[in-house]
Amino acid sequence: MTEKFFIVTEESPLHKEYFDWRQNRNDVNEFVKKFTKSHGIEAHEYSASTDRFCIVPTENDRMHFLSQLGVNELKEGLYIFKKNSPIGKAWIAELKSRSLTVEHRPFVSFYMKYSCGRSSSRLFAINGILYMSFASDGEFEAKEGIREIRGSEFYKAIEDYEKQEEKA
């Protein structure tokens, strides 16, 4: 598997897509805080899409919302609110009334040429710079606006950020 490291510049559509996604993630998180409070949900861990809302229920949530939660655990303690339950319906209606959707993290493979087979990626911003790594079984190259860097530069950025966070 070959891994390469990059900085995503503003010339790449991925740059805008990533920062739009991060803003949407923050907007959705603020919405979830208000939604759970207004509906008496104690859980702090959740997963969401535009048409589904899942929580890791507290004991009180289990008792209060038993009939509204699916019977099967999805993963890591997550339970989904049934779509036709009062909470499931409220989730969809309240998102729609605020013209809010739950966006998904950008799919890095779409910004690679010739990528095929198994692949993995990392995408994160440090101090406004968007870093990316991509590994694939096959040959690949980045599309326009994505500049390749040395692995040492990539890992140094991570290391410097972690040191900065430790001091904070």
N, C-alpha and C. Protein backbone atom coordinates (compact mmCIF):
# COMPACT_ATOMS: atom_id res chain seq x y z
N MET A 1 0.86 -1.18 0.00
CA MET A 1 0.00 0.00 0.00
C MET A 1 0.90 1.24 0.00
N THR A 2 0.63 2.17 -0.88
CA THR A 2 1.40 3.41 -1.00
C THR A 2 0.66 4.53 -0.28
N GLU A 3 1.39 5.30 0.52
CA GLU A 3 0.80 6.44 1.22
C GLU A 3 1.52 7.71 0.79
N LYS A 4 0.73 8.75 0.53
CA LYS A 4 1.28 10.07 0.18
C LYS A 4 0.63 11.11 1.09
N PHE A 5 1.30 12.25 1.20
CA PHE A 5 0.88 13.31 2.12
C PHE A 5 0.70 14.60 1.34
N PHE A 6 -0.30 15.41 1.78
CA PHE A 6 -0.66 16.58 1.00
C PHE A 6 -1.09 17.75 1.88
N ILE A 7 -1.05 18.92 1.25
CA ILE A 7 -1.75 20.10 1.75
C ILE A 7 -2.81 20.42 0.71
N VAL A 8 -4.04 20.57 1.16
CA VAL A 8 -5.15 20.90 0.26
C VAL A 8 -5.25 22.42 0.23
N THR A 9 -5.05 23.00 -0.94
CA THR A 9 -5.08 24.46 -1.08
C THR A 9 -6.49 24.94 -1.38
N GLU A 10 -6.68 26.23 -1.33
CA GLU A 10 -7.99 26.82 -1.61
C GLU A 10 -8.42 26.61 -3.06
N GLU A 11 -7.49 26.25 -3.93
CA GLU A 11 -7.83 26.00 -5.34
C GLU A 11 -8.60 24.69 -5.52
N SER A 12 -8.52 23.81 -4.53
CA SER A 12 -9.22 22.53 -4.61
C SER A 12 -10.63 22.67 -4.03
N PRO A 13 -11.63 22.12 -4.72
CA PRO A 13 -12.99 22.13 -4.15
C PRO A 13 -13.07 21.41 -2.80
N LEU A 14 -12.13 20.49 -2.54
CA LEU A 14 -12.11 19.77 -1.27
C LEU A 14 -11.91 20.73 -0.11
N HIS A 15 -11.15 21.77 -0.30
CA HIS A 15 -10.88 22.76 0.76
C HIS A 15 -12.20 23.36 1.25
N LYS A 16 -12.99 23.88 0.33
CA LYS A 16 -14.28 24.48 0.69
C LYS A 16 -15.23 23.43 1.28
N GLU A 17 -15.27 22.26 0.65
CA GLU A 17 -16.16 21.20 1.12
C GLU A 17 -15.84 20.81 2.56
N TYR A 18 -14.55 20.71 2.89
CA TYR A 18 -14.14 20.33 4.23
C TYR A 18 -14.56 21.38 5.25
N PHE A 19 -14.23 22.64 4.98
CA PHE A 19 -14.56 23.69 5.96
C PHE A 19 -16.07 23.93 6.04
N ASP A 20 -16.81 23.74 4.96
CA ASP A 20 -18.29 23.79 5.02
C ASP A 20 -18.81 22.65 5.89
N TRP A 21 -18.23 21.47 5.74
CA TRP A 21 -18.65 20.31 6.54
C TRP A 21 -18.38 20.57 8.03
N ARG A 22 -17.21 21.13 8.34
CA ARG A 22 -16.92 21.44 9.75
C ARG A 22 -17.91 22.43 10.33
N GLN A 23 -18.28 23.45 9.56
CA GLN A 23 -19.26 24.42 10.04
C GLN A 23 -20.61 23.74 10.24
N ASN A 24 -20.99 22.89 9.30
CA ASN A 24 -22.25 22.16 9.42
C ASN A 24 -22.23 21.27 10.66
N ARG A 25 -21.11 20.61 10.91
CA ARG A 25 -20.97 19.75 12.09
C ARG A 25 -21.20 20.56 13.36
N ASN A 26 -20.63 21.76 13.43
CA ASN A 26 -20.82 22.62 14.60
C ASN A 26 -22.27 23.08 14.71
N ASP A 27 -22.89 23.45 13.59
CA ASP A 27 -24.29 23.88 13.58
C ASP A 27 -25.21 22.75 14.06
N VAL A 28 -24.95 21.54 13.55
CA VAL A 28 -25.76 20.39 13.95
C VAL A 28 -25.57 20.09 15.43
N ASN A 29 -24.34 20.19 15.93
CA ASN A 29 -24.08 19.92 17.34
C ASN A 29 -24.85 20.91 18.23
N GLU A 30 -24.86 22.17 17.85
CA GLU A 30 -25.62 23.17 18.62
C GLU A 30 -27.12 22.85 18.56
N PHE A 31 -27.59 22.45 17.40
CA PHE A 31 -28.99 22.06 17.25
C PHE A 31 -29.32 20.87 18.15
N VAL A 32 -28.44 19.87 18.18
CA VAL A 32 -28.67 18.67 18.99
C VAL A 32 -28.76 19.03 20.47
N LYS A 33 -27.90 19.93 20.93
CA LYS A 33 -27.95 20.35 22.34
C LYS A 33 -29.32 20.91 22.68
N LYS A 34 -29.85 21.77 21.84
CA LYS A 34 -31.17 22.37 22.08
C LYS A 34 -32.27 21.33 21.93
N PHE A 35 -32.15 20.47 20.93
CA PHE A 35 -33.16 19.45 20.66
C PHE A 35 -33.27 18.49 21.84
N THR A 36 -32.13 17.98 22.32
CA THR A 36 -32.19 17.02 23.42
C THR A 36 -32.73 17.66 24.69
N LYS A 37 -32.34 18.89 24.94
CA LYS A 37 -32.83 19.59 26.14
C LYS A 37 -34.34 19.79 26.05
N SER A 38 -34.82 20.23 24.90
CA SER A 38 -36.26 20.52 24.77
C SER A 38 -37.12 19.26 24.79
N HIS A 39 -36.51 18.10 24.49
CA HIS A 39 -37.27 16.84 24.48
C HIS A 39 -36.96 15.96 25.69
N GLY A 40 -36.20 16.48 26.64
CA GLY A 40 -35.93 15.74 27.87
C GLY A 40 -34.99 14.56 27.69
N ILE A 41 -34.11 14.62 26.70
CA ILE A 41 -33.14 13.56 26.46
C ILE A 41 -31.87 13.90 27.23
N GLU A 42 -31.41 12.97 28.06
CA GLU A 42 -30.21 13.20 28.87
C GLU A 42 -28.92 12.86 28.14
N ALA A 43 -28.98 11.99 27.16
CA ALA A 43 -27.78 11.49 26.48
C ALA A 43 -26.94 12.62 25.92
N HIS A 44 -25.61 12.42 25.99
CA HIS A 44 -24.67 13.39 25.42
C HIS A 44 -23.96 12.82 24.20
N GLU A 45 -24.06 11.52 23.99
CA GLU A 45 -23.44 10.89 22.83
C GLU A 45 -24.54 10.58 21.82
N TYR A 46 -24.27 10.97 20.57
CA TYR A 46 -25.29 10.78 19.55
C TYR A 46 -24.65 10.54 18.19
N SER A 47 -25.48 10.12 17.28
CA SER A 47 -25.14 10.03 15.86
C SER A 47 -26.38 10.50 15.13
N ALA A 48 -26.17 11.22 14.03
CA ALA A 48 -27.33 11.78 13.37
C ALA A 48 -27.15 11.82 11.86
N SER A 49 -28.26 11.76 11.17
CA SER A 49 -28.32 12.05 9.75
C SER A 49 -29.55 12.94 9.58
N THR A 50 -29.82 13.35 8.37
CA THR A 50 -30.95 14.24 8.15
C THR A 50 -32.27 13.56 8.49
N ASP A 51 -32.33 12.23 8.38
CA ASP A 51 -33.60 11.56 8.66
C ASP A 51 -33.54 10.56 9.82
N ARG A 52 -32.42 10.50 10.54
CA ARG A 52 -32.31 9.58 11.67
C ARG A 52 -31.56 10.23 12.83
N PHE A 53 -32.00 9.91 14.05
CA PHE A 53 -31.34 10.40 15.25
C PHE A 53 -31.11 9.23 16.19
N CYS A 54 -29.87 9.04 16.61
CA CYS A 54 -29.48 7.94 17.50
C CYS A 54 -28.79 8.50 18.72
N ILE A 55 -28.96 7.83 19.84
CA ILE A 55 -28.30 8.24 21.08
C ILE A 55 -27.72 7.02 21.79
N VAL A 56 -26.78 7.30 22.68
CA VAL A 56 -26.35 6.30 23.67
C VAL A 56 -27.15 6.67 24.91
N PRO A 57 -28.28 5.97 25.12
CA PRO A 57 -29.21 6.39 26.17
C PRO A 57 -28.69 6.19 27.59
N THR A 58 -29.05 7.14 28.45
CA THR A 58 -28.81 6.96 29.88
C THR A 58 -29.89 6.02 30.39
N GLU A 59 -29.80 5.63 31.65
CA GLU A 59 -30.84 4.76 32.21
C GLU A 59 -32.20 5.44 32.17
N ASN A 60 -32.25 6.74 32.48
CA ASN A 60 -33.51 7.49 32.41
C ASN A 60 -34.04 7.55 30.98
N ASP A 61 -33.14 7.75 30.00
CA ASP A 61 -33.56 7.76 28.60
C ASP A 61 -34.17 6.42 28.22
N ARG A 62 -33.54 5.34 28.66
CA ARG A 62 -34.07 4.00 28.35
C ARG A 62 -35.49 3.83 28.88
N MET A 63 -35.70 4.28 30.11
CA MET A 63 -37.03 4.13 30.71
C MET A 63 -38.04 5.05 30.03
N HIS A 64 -37.66 6.28 29.79
CA HIS A 64 -38.59 7.28 29.24
C HIS A 64 -38.90 7.06 27.76
N PHE A 65 -37.92 6.60 26.99
CA PHE A 65 -38.08 6.49 25.54
C PHE A 65 -38.07 5.04 25.04
N LEU A 66 -38.30 4.09 25.94
CA LEU A 66 -38.23 2.68 25.60
C LEU A 66 -39.01 2.33 24.34
N SER A 67 -40.24 2.80 24.24
CA SER A 67 -41.08 2.44 23.09
C SER A 67 -40.68 3.18 21.82
N GLN A 68 -39.86 4.23 21.94
CA GLN A 68 -39.47 5.01 20.76
C GLN A 68 -38.12 4.58 20.19
N LEU A 69 -37.34 3.87 21.00
CA LEU A 69 -36.02 3.43 20.56
C LEU A 69 -36.11 2.07 19.90
N GLY A 70 -35.25 1.87 18.89
CA GLY A 70 -35.17 0.55 18.26
C GLY A 70 -34.70 -0.48 19.27
N VAL A 71 -35.01 -1.74 19.03
CA VAL A 71 -34.68 -2.78 19.99
C VAL A 71 -33.23 -3.25 19.86
N ASN A 72 -32.61 -3.04 18.72
CA ASN A 72 -31.25 -3.52 18.50
C ASN A 72 -30.23 -2.39 18.62
N GLU A 73 -29.16 -2.69 19.33
CA GLU A 73 -28.05 -1.74 19.43
C GLU A 73 -27.37 -1.68 18.07
N LEU A 74 -27.12 -0.45 17.59
CA LEU A 74 -26.46 -0.30 16.30
C LEU A 74 -24.97 -0.57 16.42
N LYS A 75 -24.30 0.18 17.27
CA LYS A 75 -22.88 -0.01 17.57
C LYS A 75 -22.53 0.86 18.75
N GLU A 76 -21.60 0.40 19.56
CA GLU A 76 -21.08 1.16 20.68
C GLU A 76 -22.16 1.82 21.54
N GLY A 77 -23.23 1.10 21.78
CA GLY A 77 -24.29 1.60 22.65
C GLY A 77 -25.32 2.50 22.00
N LEU A 78 -25.20 2.74 20.70
CA LEU A 78 -26.15 3.61 20.00
C LEU A 78 -27.47 2.90 19.73
N TYR A 79 -28.55 3.60 20.00
CA TYR A 79 -29.89 3.13 19.67
C TYR A 79 -30.57 4.20 18.85
N ILE A 80 -31.29 3.78 17.85
CA ILE A 80 -31.94 4.71 16.94
C ILE A 80 -33.37 4.99 17.39
N PHE A 81 -33.79 6.23 17.26
CA PHE A 81 -35.20 6.54 17.47
C PHE A 81 -35.95 6.10 16.21
N LYS A 82 -37.04 5.38 16.41
CA LYS A 82 -37.85 4.93 15.27
C LYS A 82 -38.34 6.15 14.51
N LYS A 83 -38.37 6.04 13.19
CA LYS A 83 -38.75 7.18 12.34
C LYS A 83 -40.16 7.69 12.65
N ASN A 84 -41.07 6.78 12.97
CA ASN A 84 -42.46 7.20 13.20
C ASN A 84 -42.76 7.47 14.68
N SER A 85 -41.72 7.49 15.52
CA SER A 85 -41.91 7.83 16.93
C SER A 85 -42.01 9.35 17.07
N PRO A 86 -42.56 9.84 18.19
CA PRO A 86 -42.63 11.29 18.38
C PRO A 86 -41.26 11.97 18.26
N ILE A 87 -40.21 11.38 18.84
CA ILE A 87 -38.87 11.97 18.74
C ILE A 87 -38.37 11.88 17.30
N GLY A 88 -38.54 10.75 16.66
CA GLY A 88 -38.11 10.58 15.26
C GLY A 88 -38.77 11.59 14.34
N LYS A 89 -40.06 11.80 14.52
CA LYS A 89 -40.79 12.78 13.71
C LYS A 89 -40.34 14.20 14.03
N ALA A 90 -40.13 14.48 15.31
CA ALA A 90 -39.70 15.82 15.72
C ALA A 90 -38.32 16.13 15.16
N TRP A 91 -37.44 15.14 15.16
CA TRP A 91 -36.09 15.33 14.61
C TRP A 91 -36.16 15.81 13.16
N ILE A 92 -36.91 15.09 12.36
CA ILE A 92 -37.02 15.43 10.94
C ILE A 92 -37.69 16.79 10.75
N ALA A 93 -38.78 17.02 11.47
CA ALA A 93 -39.53 18.27 11.32
C ALA A 93 -38.72 19.49 11.77
N GLU A 94 -38.04 19.37 12.90
CA GLU A 94 -37.29 20.51 13.42
C GLU A 94 -36.06 20.82 12.57
N LEU A 95 -35.40 19.80 12.06
CA LEU A 95 -34.28 20.04 11.14
C LEU A 95 -34.79 20.78 9.90
N LYS A 96 -35.90 20.27 9.37
CA LYS A 96 -36.47 20.85 8.15
C LYS A 96 -36.90 22.30 8.39
N SER A 97 -37.50 22.57 9.53
CA SER A 97 -37.98 23.94 9.81
C SER A 97 -36.82 24.93 9.93
N ARG A 98 -35.65 24.44 10.24
CA ARG A 98 -34.46 25.30 10.33
C ARG A 98 -33.61 25.24 9.07
N SER A 99 -34.12 24.55 8.05
CA SER A 99 -33.40 24.35 6.78
C SER A 99 -31.98 23.83 7.04
N LEU A 100 -31.89 22.87 7.96
CA LEU A 100 -30.60 22.30 8.35
C LEU A 100 -30.54 20.85 7.87
N THR A 101 -29.41 20.49 7.29
CA THR A 101 -29.17 19.10 6.90
C THR A 101 -27.92 18.64 7.63
N VAL A 102 -27.75 17.34 7.73
CA VAL A 102 -26.56 16.76 8.35
C VAL A 102 -25.66 16.31 7.21
N GLU A 103 -24.58 17.05 7.00
CA GLU A 103 -23.65 16.75 5.92
C GLU A 103 -22.67 15.67 6.36
N HIS A 104 -22.15 14.95 5.39
CA HIS A 104 -21.17 13.91 5.67
C HIS A 104 -19.77 14.41 5.38
N ARG A 105 -18.81 13.87 6.08
CA ARG A 105 -17.41 14.23 5.88
C ARG A 105 -17.05 14.01 4.40
N PRO A 106 -16.28 14.91 3.83
CA PRO A 106 -15.90 14.75 2.41
C PRO A 106 -15.18 13.42 2.17
N PHE A 107 -15.45 12.84 1.03
CA PHE A 107 -14.87 11.55 0.65
C PHE A 107 -13.60 11.82 -0.17
N VAL A 108 -12.46 11.62 0.46
CA VAL A 108 -11.16 11.99 -0.12
C VAL A 108 -10.90 11.29 -1.45
N SER A 109 -11.35 10.06 -1.61
CA SER A 109 -11.09 9.32 -2.85
C SER A 109 -11.60 10.05 -4.08
N PHE A 110 -12.64 10.86 -3.92
CA PHE A 110 -13.16 11.61 -5.07
C PHE A 110 -12.16 12.64 -5.58
N TYR A 111 -11.17 12.96 -4.79
CA TYR A 111 -10.19 13.98 -5.17
C TYR A 111 -8.86 13.37 -5.61
N MET A 112 -8.88 12.10 -5.91
CA MET A 112 -7.70 11.39 -6.40
C MET A 112 -7.96 10.89 -7.82
N LYS A 113 -6.91 10.88 -8.62
CA LYS A 113 -6.97 10.30 -9.96
C LYS A 113 -6.43 8.88 -9.87
N TYR A 114 -7.07 7.98 -10.56
CA TYR A 114 -6.59 6.60 -10.72
C TYR A 114 -6.65 5.76 -9.46
N SER A 115 -7.31 6.21 -8.44
CA SER A 115 -7.38 5.44 -7.21
C SER A 115 -8.31 4.24 -7.39
N CYS A 116 -7.82 3.08 -6.98
CA CYS A 116 -8.68 1.89 -7.01
C CYS A 116 -8.21 0.94 -5.92
N GLY A 117 -9.04 0.00 -5.58
CA GLY A 117 -8.71 -0.95 -4.53
C GLY A 117 -8.93 -0.37 -3.16
N ARG A 118 -8.35 -1.03 -2.18
CA ARG A 118 -8.48 -0.56 -0.80
C ARG A 118 -7.76 0.76 -0.64
N SER A 119 -8.34 1.62 0.19
CA SER A 119 -7.68 2.90 0.45
C SER A 119 -8.05 3.38 1.85
N SER A 120 -7.24 4.31 2.35
CA SER A 120 -7.54 4.97 3.62
C SER A 120 -7.07 6.41 3.50
N SER A 121 -7.64 7.26 4.34
CA SER A 121 -7.26 8.67 4.27
C SER A 121 -7.40 9.33 5.62
N ARG A 122 -6.72 10.44 5.76
CA ARG A 122 -6.85 11.32 6.91
C ARG A 122 -7.01 12.72 6.35
N LEU A 123 -7.84 13.51 7.00
CA LEU A 123 -8.10 14.87 6.54
C LEU A 123 -8.38 15.71 7.78
N PHE A 124 -7.55 16.74 8.01
CA PHE A 124 -7.72 17.57 9.20
C PHE A 124 -7.05 18.91 8.96
N ALA A 125 -7.50 19.91 9.72
CA ALA A 125 -6.95 21.26 9.62
C ALA A 125 -6.19 21.58 10.90
N ILE A 126 -5.04 22.22 10.72
CA ILE A 126 -4.26 22.73 11.84
C ILE A 126 -3.91 24.17 11.49
N ASN A 127 -4.36 25.09 12.34
CA ASN A 127 -4.10 26.51 12.13
C ASN A 127 -4.49 26.97 10.73
N GLY A 128 -5.63 26.51 10.26
CA GLY A 128 -6.17 26.93 8.97
C GLY A 128 -5.56 26.23 7.76
N ILE A 129 -4.61 25.34 7.97
CA ILE A 129 -4.00 24.59 6.87
C ILE A 129 -4.65 23.21 6.84
N LEU A 130 -5.12 22.82 5.67
CA LEU A 130 -5.81 21.54 5.52
C LEU A 130 -4.80 20.48 5.06
N TYR A 131 -4.55 19.51 5.94
CA TYR A 131 -3.63 18.41 5.66
C TYR A 131 -4.42 17.16 5.28
N MET A 132 -3.78 16.35 4.45
CA MET A 132 -4.44 15.13 4.01
C MET A 132 -3.38 14.07 3.77
N SER A 133 -3.71 12.85 4.11
CA SER A 133 -2.89 11.71 3.68
C SER A 133 -3.83 10.75 2.96
N PHE A 134 -3.25 10.03 2.03
CA PHE A 134 -4.05 9.06 1.27
C PHE A 134 -3.17 7.85 1.00
N ALA A 135 -3.71 6.68 1.25
CA ALA A 135 -3.01 5.42 0.99
C ALA A 135 -3.91 4.53 0.16
N SER A 136 -3.33 3.85 -0.80
CA SER A 136 -4.11 2.99 -1.68
C SER A 136 -3.27 1.82 -2.16
N ASP A 137 -3.94 0.73 -2.50
CA ASP A 137 -3.27 -0.43 -3.08
C ASP A 137 -2.75 -0.12 -4.48
N GLY A 138 -3.51 0.70 -5.19
CA GLY A 138 -3.16 1.02 -6.57
C GLY A 138 -2.43 2.35 -6.69
N GLU A 139 -2.04 2.68 -7.91
CA GLU A 139 -1.41 3.96 -8.19
C GLU A 139 -2.46 5.07 -8.11
N PHE A 140 -2.02 6.25 -7.70
CA PHE A 140 -2.93 7.39 -7.62
C PHE A 140 -2.13 8.67 -7.66
N GLU A 141 -2.81 9.74 -7.97
CA GLU A 141 -2.23 11.08 -7.85
C GLU A 141 -3.36 12.02 -7.49
N ALA A 142 -3.00 13.11 -6.84
CA ALA A 142 -3.99 14.07 -6.39
C ALA A 142 -4.43 14.96 -7.54
N LYS A 143 -5.67 15.40 -7.47
CA LYS A 143 -6.19 16.33 -8.47
C LYS A 143 -5.65 17.73 -8.20
N GLU A 144 -5.94 18.63 -9.10
CA GLU A 144 -5.46 20.00 -9.02
C GLU A 144 -5.86 20.67 -7.70
N GLY A 145 -4.94 21.46 -7.17
CA GLY A 145 -5.19 22.19 -5.93
C GLY A 145 -4.77 21.43 -4.69
N ILE A 146 -4.23 20.23 -4.88
CA ILE A 146 -3.76 19.42 -3.75
C ILE A 146 -2.27 19.20 -3.96
N ARG A 147 -1.46 19.77 -3.07
CA ARG A 147 -0.01 19.79 -3.23
C ARG A 147 0.63 18.71 -2.35
N GLU A 148 1.44 17.87 -2.97
CA GLU A 148 2.12 16.81 -2.23
C GLU A 148 3.23 17.39 -1.36
N ILE A 149 3.38 16.85 -0.16
CA ILE A 149 4.44 17.24 0.77
C ILE A 149 5.15 15.98 1.26
N ARG A 150 6.29 16.18 1.90
CA ARG A 150 7.01 15.05 2.49
C ARG A 150 6.25 14.55 3.73
N GLY A 151 6.38 13.27 4.00
CA GLY A 151 5.77 12.70 5.19
C GLY A 151 6.28 13.36 6.46
N SER A 152 7.56 13.72 6.47
CA SER A 152 8.13 14.36 7.66
C SER A 152 7.45 15.70 7.95
N GLU A 153 7.09 16.44 6.91
CA GLU A 153 6.39 17.72 7.10
C GLU A 153 4.99 17.48 7.68
N PHE A 154 4.33 16.45 7.18
CA PHE A 154 2.99 16.08 7.65
C PHE A 154 3.03 15.72 9.13
N TYR A 155 3.96 14.83 9.50
CA TYR A 155 4.03 14.38 10.89
C TYR A 155 4.55 15.47 11.83
N LYS A 156 5.39 16.35 11.33
CA LYS A 156 5.87 17.47 12.14
C LYS A 156 4.71 18.40 12.48
N ALA A 157 3.82 18.64 11.52
CA ALA A 157 2.65 19.49 11.79
C ALA A 157 1.80 18.88 12.90
N ILE A 158 1.62 17.57 12.86
CA ILE A 158 0.84 16.88 13.90
C ILE A 158 1.55 16.99 15.25
N GLU A 159 2.84 16.72 15.25
CA GLU A 159 3.62 16.76 16.47
C GLU A 159 3.61 18.16 17.10
N ASP A 160 3.81 19.19 16.28
CA ASP A 160 3.79 20.57 16.78
C ASP A 160 2.42 20.92 17.36
N TYR A 161 1.36 20.47 16.70
CA TYR A 161 0.01 20.74 17.18
C TYR A 161 -0.23 20.06 18.53
N GLU A 162 0.20 18.82 18.65
CA GLU A 162 0.01 18.09 19.91
C GLU A 162 0.77 18.77 21.05
N LYS A 163 1.98 19.24 20.79
CA LYS A 163 2.76 19.96 21.80
C LYS A 163 2.03 21.25 22.21
N GLN A 164 1.51 21.95 21.22
CA GLN A 164 0.76 23.20 21.46
C GLN A 164 -0.47 22.92 22.33
N GLU A 165 -1.16 21.82 22.07
CA GLU A 165 -2.36 21.47 22.84
C GLU A 165 -2.01 21.07 24.27
N GLU A 166 -0.87 20.42 24.46
CA GLU A 166 -0.45 20.02 25.80
C GLU A 166 -0.20 21.24 26.68
N LYS A 167 0.34 22.31 26.08
CA LYS A 167 0.62 23.53 26.81
C LYS A 167 -0.65 24.31 27.15
N ALA A 168 -1.68 24.14 26.36
CA ALA A 168 -2.92 24.91 26.54
C ALA A 168 -3.73 24.44 27.73
